[in-house]
Amino acid sequence: SGKTKTLATRVARLVMAGADPQRILLLTFSRRAAAEMERRAGQV
């Protein structure tokens, strides 16, 4: 259902709303998943 896309876009939207990226805690179950989330949020 586009879970990763939704979560990554929410992260990007929070930054656009003024959230400090260094004060966002993003927890996943693998480092690769965290890197992919970070990459996709950056693309957005």
All heavy atoms as atom14 arrays in JSON, in Angstrom:
{
  "sequence": "SGKTKTLATRVARLVMAGADPQRILLLTFSRRAAAEMERRAGQV",
  "atom14_mask": [
    [1, 1, 1, 1, 1, 1, 0, 0, 0, 0, 0, 0, 0, 0],
    [1, 1, 1, 1, 0, 0, 0, 0, 0, 0, 0, 0, 0, 0],
    [1, 1, 1, 1, 1, 1, 1, 1, 1, 0, 0, 0, 0, 0],
    [1, 1, 1, 1, 1, 1, 1, 0, 0, 0, 0, 0, 0, 0],
    [1, 1, 1, 1, 1, 1, 1, 1, 1, 0, 0, 0, 0, 0],
    [1, 1, 1, 1, 1, 1, 1, 0, 0, 0, 0, 0, 0, 0],
    [1, 1, 1, 1, 1, 1, 1, 1, 0, 0, 0, 0, 0, 0],
    [1, 1, 1, 1, 1, 0, 0, 0, 0, 0, 0, 0, 0, 0],
    [1, 1, 1, 1, 1, 1, 1, 0, 0, 0, 0, 0, 0, 0],
    [1, 1, 1, 1, 1, 1, 1, 1, 1, 1, 1, 0, 0, 0],
    [1, 1, 1, 1, 1, 1, 1, 0, 0, 0, 0, 0, 0, 0],
    [1, 1, 1, 1, 1, 0, 0, 0, 0, 0, 0, 0, 0, 0],
    [1, 1, 1, 1, 1, 1, 1, 1, 1, 1, 1, 0, 0, 0],
    [1, 1, 1, 1, 1, 1, 1, 1, 0, 0, 0, 0, 0, 0],
    [1, 1, 1, 1, 1, 1, 1, 0, 0, 0, 0, 0, 0, 0],
    [1, 1, 1, 1, 1, 1, 1, 1, 0, 0, 0, 0, 0, 0],
    [1, 1, 1, 1, 1, 0, 0, 0, 0, 0, 0, 0, 0, 0],
    [1, 1, 1, 1, 0, 0, 0, 0, 0, 0, 0, 0, 0, 0],
    [1, 1, 1, 1, 1, 0, 0, 0, 0, 0, 0, 0, 0, 0],
    [1, 1, 1, 1, 1, 1, 1, 1, 0, 0, 0, 0, 0, 0],
    [1, 1, 1, 1, 1, 1, 1, 0, 0, 0, 0, 0, 0, 0],
    [1, 1, 1, 1, 1, 1, 1, 1, 1, 0, 0, 0, 0, 0],
    [1, 1, 1, 1, 1, 1, 1, 1, 1, 1, 1, 0, 0, 0],
    [1, 1, 1, 1, 1, 1, 1, 1, 0, 0, 0, 0, 0, 0],
    [1, 1, 1, 1, 1, 1, 1, 1, 0, 0, 0, 0, 0, 0],
    [1, 1, 1, 1, 1, 1, 1, 1, 0, 0, 0, 0, 0, 0],
    [1, 1, 1, 1, 1, 1, 1, 1, 0, 0, 0, 0, 0, 0],
    [1, 1, 1, 1, 1, 1, 1, 0, 0, 0, 0, 0, 0, 0],
    [1, 1, 1, 1, 1, 1, 1, 1, 1, 1, 1, 0, 0, 0],
    [1, 1, 1, 1, 1, 1, 0, 0, 0, 0, 0, 0, 0, 0],
    [1, 1, 1, 1, 1, 1, 1, 1, 1, 1, 1, 0, 0, 0],
    [1, 1, 1, 1, 1, 1, 1, 1, 1, 1, 1, 0, 0, 0],
    [1, 1, 1, 1, 1, 0, 0, 0, 0, 0, 0, 0, 0, 0],
    [1, 1, 1, 1, 1, 0, 0, 0, 0, 0, 0, 0, 0, 0],
    [1, 1, 1, 1, 1, 0, 0, 0, 0, 0, 0, 0, 0, 0],
    [1, 1, 1, 1, 1, 1, 1, 1, 1, 0, 0, 0, 0, 0],
    [1, 1, 1, 1, 1, 1, 1, 1, 0, 0, 0, 0, 0, 0],
    [1, 1, 1, 1, 1, 1, 1, 1, 1, 0, 0, 0, 0, 0],
    [1, 1, 1, 1, 1, 1, 1, 1, 1, 1, 1, 0, 0, 0],
    [1, 1, 1, 1, 1, 1, 1, 1, 1, 1, 1, 0, 0, 0],
    [1, 1, 1, 1, 1, 0, 0, 0, 0, 0, 0, 0, 0, 0],
    [1, 1, 1, 1, 0, 0, 0, 0, 0, 0, 0, 0, 0, 0],
    [1, 1, 1, 1, 1, 1, 1, 1, 1, 0, 0, 0, 0, 0],
    [1, 1, 1, 1, 1, 1, 1, 0, 0, 0, 0, 0, 0, 0]
  ],
  "atom14_positions": [
    [[0.81, -1.23, 0.0], [0.0, 0.0, 0.0], [0.84, 1.27, 0.0], [0.3, 2.35, 0.21], [-0.93, 0.0, 1.22], [-0.18, -0.01, 2.42], [0.0, 0.0, 0.0], [0.0, 0.0, 0.0], [0.0, 0.0, 0.0], [0.0, 0.0, 0.0], [0.0, 0.0, 0.0], [0.0, 0.0, 0.0], [0.0, 0.0, 0.0], [0.0, 0.0, 0.0]],
    [[2.14, 1.17, -0.21], [2.98, 2.36, -0.25], [3.41, 2.84, 1.12], [3.52, 4.04, 1.37], [0.0, 0.0, 0.0], [0.0, 0.0, 0.0], [0.0, 0.0, 0.0], [0.0, 0.0, 0.0], [0.0, 0.0, 0.0], [0.0, 0.0, 0.0], [0.0, 0.0, 0.0], [0.0, 0.0, 0.0], [0.0, 0.0, 0.0], [0.0, 0.0, 0.0]],
    [[3.67, 1.9, 2.02], [4.04, 2.24, 3.4], [5.29, 3.1, 3.46], [5.32, 4.14, 4.12], [4.24, 0.95, 4.21], [4.9, 1.14, 5.56], [5.11, -0.17, 6.26], [6.14, -1.03, 5.58], [7.52, -0.48, 5.67], [0.0, 0.0, 0.0], [0.0, 0.0, 0.0], [0.0, 0.0, 0.0], [0.0, 0.0, 0.0], [0.0, 0.0, 0.0]],
    [[6.36, 2.66, 2.76], [7.62, 3.4, 2.82], [7.46, 4.79, 2.23], [7.98, 5.77, 2.78], [8.71, 2.62, 2.06], [8.84, 1.31, 2.62], [10.05, 3.33, 2.16], [0.0, 0.0, 0.0], [0.0, 0.0, 0.0], [0.0, 0.0, 0.0], [0.0, 0.0, 0.0], [0.0, 0.0, 0.0], [0.0, 0.0, 0.0], [0.0, 0.0, 0.0]],
    [[6.74, 4.89, 1.12], [6.5, 6.19, 0.5], [5.76, 7.12, 1.46], [6.11, 8.3, 1.6], [5.7, 6.02, -0.78], [5.34, 7.31, -1.48], [4.55, 7.04, -2.76], [4.21, 8.33, -3.49], [3.46, 8.06, -4.75], [0.0, 0.0, 0.0], [0.0, 0.0, 0.0], [0.0, 0.0, 0.0], [0.0, 0.0, 0.0], [0.0, 0.0, 0.0]],
    [[4.76, 6.59, 2.13], [3.97, 7.41, 3.06], [4.82, 7.89, 4.22], [4.79, 9.08, 4.58], [2.76, 6.61, 3.57], [1.98, 6.17, 2.45], [1.91, 7.45, 4.49], [0.0, 0.0, 0.0], [0.0, 0.0, 0.0], [0.0, 0.0, 0.0], [0.0, 0.0, 0.0], [0.0, 0.0, 0.0], [0.0, 0.0, 0.0], [0.0, 0.0, 0.0]],
    [[5.58, 6.99, 4.82], [6.39, 7.37, 5.97], [7.48, 8.35, 5.59], [7.73, 9.34, 6.3], [6.99, 6.12, 6.61], [7.72, 6.3, 7.95], [6.81, 6.96, 8.97], [8.21, 4.96, 8.48], [0.0, 0.0, 0.0], [0.0, 0.0, 0.0], [0.0, 0.0, 0.0], [0.0, 0.0, 0.0], [0.0, 0.0, 0.0], [0.0, 0.0, 0.0]],
    [[8.15, 8.1, 4.46], [9.21, 9.01, 4.01], [8.64, 10.39, 3.7], [9.26, 11.42, 4.01], [9.92, 8.44, 2.79], [0.0, 0.0, 0.0], [0.0, 0.0, 0.0], [0.0, 0.0, 0.0], [0.0, 0.0, 0.0], [0.0, 0.0, 0.0], [0.0, 0.0, 0.0], [0.0, 0.0, 0.0], [0.0, 0.0, 0.0], [0.0, 0.0, 0.0]],
    [[7.46, 10.43, 3.08], [6.85, 11.73, 2.75], [6.42, 12.45, 4.02], [6.51, 13.68, 4.1], [5.64, 11.52, 1.83], [6.03, 10.77, 0.67], [5.09, 12.86, 1.35], [0.0, 0.0, 0.0], [0.0, 0.0, 0.0], [0.0, 0.0, 0.0], [0.0, 0.0, 0.0], [0.0, 0.0, 0.0], [0.0, 0.0, 0.0], [0.0, 0.0, 0.0]],
    [[5.98, 11.71, 5.02], [5.63, 12.36, 6.29], [6.87, 12.98, 6.93], [6.82, 14.1, 7.46], [4.97, 11.37, 7.25], [4.7, 11.98, 8.63], [3.68, 11.22, 9.43], [3.53, 11.74, 10.78], [2.87, 12.85, 11.11], [2.27, 13.57, 10.16], [2.78, 13.25, 12.36], [0.0, 0.0, 0.0], [0.0, 0.0, 0.0], [0.0, 0.0, 0.0]],
    [[8.0, 12.26, 6.89], [9.24, 12.81, 7.43], [9.58, 14.12, 6.71], [9.92, 15.13, 7.35], [10.39, 11.8, 7.3], [11.73, 12.44, 7.66], [10.14, 10.58, 8.16], [0.0, 0.0, 0.0], [0.0, 0.0, 0.0], [0.0, 0.0, 0.0], [0.0, 0.0, 0.0], [0.0, 0.0, 0.0], [0.0, 0.0, 0.0], [0.0, 0.0, 0.0]],
    [[9.51, 14.1, 5.38], [9.81, 15.3, 4.61], [8.84, 16.43, 4.93], [9.22, 17.6, 5.04], [9.77, 14.98, 3.11], [0.0, 0.0, 0.0], [0.0, 0.0, 0.0], [0.0, 0.0, 0.0], [0.0, 0.0, 0.0], [0.0, 0.0, 0.0], [0.0, 0.0, 0.0], [0.0, 0.0, 0.0], [0.0, 0.0, 0.0], [0.0, 0.0, 0.0]],
    [[7.58, 16.08, 5.1], [6.55, 17.1, 5.39], [6.8, 17.74, 6.76], [6.58, 18.94, 6.94], [5.17, 16.45, 5.35], [4.02, 17.45, 5.45], [3.93, 18.31, 4.21], [2.84, 19.27, 4.32], [2.94, 20.45, 4.92], [4.09, 20.81, 5.49], [1.92, 21.27, 4.96], [0.0, 0.0, 0.0], [0.0, 0.0, 0.0], [0.0, 0.0, 0.0]],
    [[7.25, 16.95, 7.72], [7.57, 17.5, 9.04], [8.7, 18.51, 8.94], [8.68, 19.57, 9.58], [7.94, 16.38, 10.01], [6.81, 15.43, 10.42], [7.36, 14.27, 11.25], [5.73, 16.17, 11.2], [0.0, 0.0, 0.0], [0.0, 0.0, 0.0], [0.0, 0.0, 0.0], [0.0, 0.0, 0.0], [0.0, 0.0, 0.0], [0.0, 0.0, 0.0]],
    [[9.72, 18.19, 8.12], [10.84, 19.12, 7.94], [10.36, 20.39, 7.27], [10.75, 21.5, 7.64], [11.96, 18.44, 7.11], [13.07, 19.44, 6.79], [12.53, 17.25, 7.88], [0.0, 0.0, 0.0], [0.0, 0.0, 0.0], [0.0, 0.0, 0.0], [0.0, 0.0, 0.0], [0.0, 0.0, 0.0], [0.0, 0.0, 0.0], [0.0, 0.0, 0.0]],
    [[9.49, 20.24, 6.26], [8.96, 21.43, 5.59], [8.15, 22.3, 6.54], [8.06, 23.51, 6.37], [8.1, 21.0, 4.41], [8.87, 20.35, 3.27], [7.78, 19.8, 1.94], [7.1, 21.38, 1.41], [0.0, 0.0, 0.0], [0.0, 0.0, 0.0], [0.0, 0.0, 0.0], [0.0, 0.0, 0.0], [0.0, 0.0, 0.0], [0.0, 0.0, 0.0]],
    [[7.56, 21.66, 7.58], [6.77, 22.41, 8.55], [7.64, 23.02, 9.65], [7.11, 23.63, 10.58], [5.72, 21.5, 9.18], [0.0, 0.0, 0.0], [0.0, 0.0, 0.0], [0.0, 0.0, 0.0], [0.0, 0.0, 0.0], [0.0, 0.0, 0.0], [0.0, 0.0, 0.0], [0.0, 0.0, 0.0], [0.0, 0.0, 0.0], [0.0, 0.0, 0.0]],
    [[8.97, 22.84, 9.54], [9.87, 23.48, 10.48], [10.56, 22.56, 11.46], [11.33, 23.02, 12.31], [0.0, 0.0, 0.0], [0.0, 0.0, 0.0], [0.0, 0.0, 0.0], [0.0, 0.0, 0.0], [0.0, 0.0, 0.0], [0.0, 0.0, 0.0], [0.0, 0.0, 0.0], [0.0, 0.0, 0.0], [0.0, 0.0, 0.0], [0.0, 0.0, 0.0]],
    [[10.32, 21.25, 11.36], [10.99, 20.31, 12.28], [12.47, 20.22, 11.95], [12.87, 20.2, 10.79], [10.34, 18.93, 12.17], [0.0, 0.0, 0.0], [0.0, 0.0, 0.0], [0.0, 0.0, 0.0], [0.0, 0.0, 0.0], [0.0, 0.0, 0.0], [0.0, 0.0, 0.0], [0.0, 0.0, 0.0], [0.0, 0.0, 0.0], [0.0, 0.0, 0.0]],
    [[13.29, 20.17, 13.0], [14.73, 20.03, 12.84], [15.05, 18.57, 12.54], [14.71, 17.68, 13.33], [15.43, 20.46, 14.14], [16.95, 20.49, 14.02], [17.48, 19.85, 13.09], [17.59, 21.15, 14.85], [0.0, 0.0, 0.0], [0.0, 0.0, 0.0], [0.0, 0.0, 0.0], [0.0, 0.0, 0.0], [0.0, 0.0, 0.0], [0.0, 0.0, 0.0]],
    [[15.69, 18.28, 11.39], [16.01, 16.88, 11.06], [16.83, 16.19, 12.14], [16.76, 14.96, 12.28], [16.81, 17.01, 9.75], [16.39, 18.31, 9.17], [16.11, 19.21, 10.33], [0.0, 0.0, 0.0], [0.0, 0.0, 0.0], [0.0, 0.0, 0.0], [0.0, 0.0, 0.0], [0.0, 0.0, 0.0], [0.0, 0.0, 0.0], [0.0, 0.0, 0.0]],
    [[17.61, 16.96, 12.91], [18.43, 16.36, 13.95], [17.66, 16.08, 15.24], [18.22, 15.54, 16.18], [19.64, 17.25, 14.23], [20.51, 17.47, 12.99], [21.84, 18.07, 13.33], [22.56, 17.56, 14.17], [22.2, 19.16, 12.66], [0.0, 0.0, 0.0], [0.0, 0.0, 0.0], [0.0, 0.0, 0.0], [0.0, 0.0, 0.0], [0.0, 0.0, 0.0]],
    [[16.4, 16.47, 15.25], [15.55, 16.19, 16.4], [14.39, 15.27, 16.02], [13.36, 15.25, 16.68], [15.03, 17.5, 17.0], [16.16, 18.35, 17.61], [15.63, 19.68, 18.14], [14.62, 19.5, 19.18], [14.88, 19.26, 20.46], [16.14, 19.15, 20.86], [13.91, 19.13, 21.33], [0.0, 0.0, 0.0], [0.0, 0.0, 0.0], [0.0, 0.0, 0.0]],
    [[14.58, 14.53, 14.93], [13.61, 13.52, 14.5], [14.23, 12.15, 14.73], [15.32, 11.86, 14.24], [13.24, 13.69, 13.01], [12.49, 15.0, 12.8], [12.4, 12.51, 12.53], [12.13, 15.28, 11.34], [0.0, 0.0, 0.0], [0.0, 0.0, 0.0], [0.0, 0.0, 0.0], [0.0, 0.0, 0.0], [0.0, 0.0, 0.0], [0.0, 0.0, 0.0]],
    [[13.56, 11.31, 15.48], [14.01, 9.94, 15.73], [13.22, 9.01, 14.83], [11.99, 8.92, 14.93], [13.8, 9.57, 17.2], [14.14, 8.13, 17.61], [15.6, 7.81, 17.32], [13.81, 7.89, 19.08], [0.0, 0.0, 0.0], [0.0, 0.0, 0.0], [0.0, 0.0, 0.0], [0.0, 0.0, 0.0], [0.0, 0.0, 0.0], [0.0, 0.0, 0.0]],
    [[13.92, 8.33, 13.93], [13.28, 7.42, 12.99], [13.8, 6.01, 13.26], [14.97, 5.71, 13.03], [13.61, 7.84, 11.55], [13.05, 6.98, 10.42], [11.54, 6.87, 10.52], [13.44, 7.57, 9.07], [0.0, 0.0, 0.0], [0.0, 0.0, 0.0], [0.0, 0.0, 0.0], [0.0, 0.0, 0.0], [0.0, 0.0, 0.0], [0.0, 0.0, 0.0]],
    [[12.95, 5.14, 13.76], [13.34, 3.79, 14.16], [12.85, 2.76, 13.15], [11.67, 2.73, 12.79], [12.76, 3.46, 15.54], [13.33, 4.3, 16.7], [12.49, 4.1, 17.95], [14.78, 3.93, 16.96], [0.0, 0.0, 0.0], [0.0, 0.0, 0.0], [0.0, 0.0, 0.0], [0.0, 0.0, 0.0], [0.0, 0.0, 0.0], [0.0, 0.0, 0.0]],
    [[13.77, 1.91, 12.69], [13.45, 0.86, 11.74], [14.02, -0.46, 12.27], [14.58, -0.51, 13.36], [14.03, 1.16, 10.35], [15.48, 1.13, 10.45], [13.61, 2.53, 9.85], [0.0, 0.0, 0.0], [0.0, 0.0, 0.0], [0.0, 0.0, 0.0], [0.0, 0.0, 0.0], [0.0, 0.0, 0.0], [0.0, 0.0, 0.0], [0.0, 0.0, 0.0]],
    [[13.91, -1.52, 11.45], [14.43, -2.82, 11.89], [15.67, -3.24, 11.11], [16.14, -4.36, 11.27], [13.34, -3.89, 11.8], [12.44, -3.87, 13.01], [11.37, -3.0, 13.08], [12.7, -4.68, 14.09], [10.55, -2.95, 14.2], [11.9, -4.65, 15.22], [10.82, -3.78, 15.28], [0.0, 0.0, 0.0], [0.0, 0.0, 0.0], [0.0, 0.0, 0.0]],
    [[16.2, -2.37, 10.27], [17.49, -2.64, 9.63], [18.09, -1.3, 9.23], [17.38, -0.33, 8.97], [17.34, -3.55, 8.39], [16.8, -2.83, 7.3], [0.0, 0.0, 0.0], [0.0, 0.0, 0.0], [0.0, 0.0, 0.0], [0.0, 0.0, 0.0], [0.0, 0.0, 0.0], [0.0, 0.0, 0.0], [0.0, 0.0, 0.0], [0.0, 0.0, 0.0]],
    [[19.41, -1.27, 9.19], [20.08, -0.03, 8.8], [19.77, 0.33, 7.36], [19.66, 1.5, 7.0], [21.59, -0.18, 9.0], [22.35, 1.13, 8.84], [23.81, 0.95, 9.15], [24.44, -0.04, 8.29], [25.68, -0.48, 8.45], [26.39, -0.05, 9.48], [26.2, -1.35, 7.63], [0.0, 0.0, 0.0], [0.0, 0.0, 0.0], [0.0, 0.0, 0.0]],
    [[19.61, -0.71, 6.52], [19.27, -0.44, 5.12], [17.91, 0.23, 5.01], [17.72, 1.12, 4.18], [19.29, -1.76, 4.33], [20.69, -2.32, 4.12], [20.66, -3.68, 3.49], [20.07, -4.69, 4.37], [20.73, -5.28, 5.37], [21.99, -4.95, 5.61], [20.15, -6.19, 6.11], [0.0, 0.0, 0.0], [0.0, 0.0, 0.0], [0.0, 0.0, 0.0]],
    [[16.95, -0.19, 5.84], [15.64, 0.43, 5.81], [15.73, 1.89, 6.25], [15.06, 2.77, 5.68], [14.68, -0.34, 6.72], [0.0, 0.0, 0.0], [0.0, 0.0, 0.0], [0.0, 0.0, 0.0], [0.0, 0.0, 0.0], [0.0, 0.0, 0.0], [0.0, 0.0, 0.0], [0.0, 0.0, 0.0], [0.0, 0.0, 0.0], [0.0, 0.0, 0.0]],
    [[16.56, 2.16, 7.25], [16.73, 3.55, 7.7], [17.38, 4.39, 6.61], [16.96, 5.54, 6.37], [17.6, 3.57, 8.96], [0.0, 0.0, 0.0], [0.0, 0.0, 0.0], [0.0, 0.0, 0.0], [0.0, 0.0, 0.0], [0.0, 0.0, 0.0], [0.0, 0.0, 0.0], [0.0, 0.0, 0.0], [0.0, 0.0, 0.0], [0.0, 0.0, 0.0]],
    [[18.39, 3.84, 5.93], [19.05, 4.58, 4.85], [18.08, 4.84, 3.71], [18.08, 5.93, 3.1], [20.26, 3.8, 4.36], [0.0, 0.0, 0.0], [0.0, 0.0, 0.0], [0.0, 0.0, 0.0], [0.0, 0.0, 0.0], [0.0, 0.0, 0.0], [0.0, 0.0, 0.0], [0.0, 0.0, 0.0], [0.0, 0.0, 0.0], [0.0, 0.0, 0.0]],
    [[17.24, 3.84, 3.4], [16.26, 4.02, 2.32], [15.24, 5.08, 2.69], [14.84, 5.91, 1.86], [15.57, 2.69, 2.04], [14.41, 2.75, 1.04], [14.85, 3.09, -0.37], [16.07, 3.13, -0.63], [13.97, 3.33, -1.21], [0.0, 0.0, 0.0], [0.0, 0.0, 0.0], [0.0, 0.0, 0.0], [0.0, 0.0, 0.0], [0.0, 0.0, 0.0]],
    [[14.8, 5.1, 3.94], [13.85, 6.1, 4.4], [14.46, 7.49, 4.3], [13.81, 8.45, 3.83], [13.44, 5.8, 5.84], [12.14, 6.45, 6.25], [10.72, 5.69, 5.45], [10.77, 4.06, 6.18], [0.0, 0.0, 0.0], [0.0, 0.0, 0.0], [0.0, 0.0, 0.0], [0.0, 0.0, 0.0], [0.0, 0.0, 0.0], [0.0, 0.0, 0.0]],
    [[15.72, 7.62, 4.71], [16.41, 8.91, 4.65], [16.56, 9.36, 3.2], [16.35, 10.54, 2.87], [17.77, 8.79, 5.33], [18.52, 10.1, 5.46], [19.82, 9.92, 6.21], [20.31, 8.78, 6.3], [20.36, 10.93, 6.7], [0.0, 0.0, 0.0], [0.0, 0.0, 0.0], [0.0, 0.0, 0.0], [0.0, 0.0, 0.0], [0.0, 0.0, 0.0]],
    [[16.91, 8.43, 2.31], [17.09, 8.77, 0.9], [15.78, 9.24, 0.26], [15.75, 10.26, -0.44], [17.61, 7.55, 0.14], [17.92, 7.8, -1.34], [18.29, 6.51, -2.05], [17.17, 5.6, -2.14], [16.22, 5.68, -3.08], [16.26, 6.65, -3.98], [15.23, 4.81, -3.1], [0.0, 0.0, 0.0], [0.0, 0.0, 0.0], [0.0, 0.0, 0.0]],
    [[14.71, 8.53, 0.55], [13.44, 8.88, -0.08], [12.87, 10.18, 0.49], [12.25, 10.97, -0.23], [12.46, 7.72, 0.08], [12.9, 6.51, -0.71], [11.94, 5.35, -0.62], [10.67, 5.62, -1.3], [9.8, 4.67, -1.61], [10.06, 3.4, -1.32], [8.67, 4.97, -2.2], [0.0, 0.0, 0.0], [0.0, 0.0, 0.0], [0.0, 0.0, 0.0]],
    [[13.08, 10.42, 1.79], [12.65, 11.71, 2.35], [13.42, 12.85, 1.7], [12.86, 13.92, 1.41], [12.86, 11.7, 3.87], [0.0, 0.0, 0.0], [0.0, 0.0, 0.0], [0.0, 0.0, 0.0], [0.0, 0.0, 0.0], [0.0, 0.0, 0.0], [0.0, 0.0, 0.0], [0.0, 0.0, 0.0], [0.0, 0.0, 0.0], [0.0, 0.0, 0.0]],
    [[14.72, 12.63, 1.44], [15.53, 13.64, 0.76], [15.04, 13.9, -0.64], [15.02, 15.05, -1.12], [0.0, 0.0, 0.0], [0.0, 0.0, 0.0], [0.0, 0.0, 0.0], [0.0, 0.0, 0.0], [0.0, 0.0, 0.0], [0.0, 0.0, 0.0], [0.0, 0.0, 0.0], [0.0, 0.0, 0.0], [0.0, 0.0, 0.0], [0.0, 0.0, 0.0]],
    [[14.62, 12.85, -1.36], [14.1, 13.03, -2.71], [12.83, 13.88, -2.7], [12.65, 14.75, -3.56], [13.8, 11.66, -3.33], [15.03, 10.87, -3.72], [14.67, 9.52, -4.31], [13.58, 8.99, -4.09], [15.58, 8.95, -5.08], [0.0, 0.0, 0.0], [0.0, 0.0, 0.0], [0.0, 0.0, 0.0], [0.0, 0.0, 0.0], [0.0, 0.0, 0.0]],
    [[11.96, 13.62, -1.73], [10.73, 14.4, -1.63], [11.06, 15.87, -1.38], [10.48, 16.77, -2.0], [9.82, 13.85, -0.52], [8.61, 14.76, -0.32], [9.36, 12.43, -0.85], [0.0, 0.0, 0.0], [0.0, 0.0, 0.0], [0.0, 0.0, 0.0], [0.0, 0.0, 0.0], [0.0, 0.0, 0.0], [0.0, 0.0, 0.0], [0.0, 0.0, 0.0]]
  ]
}
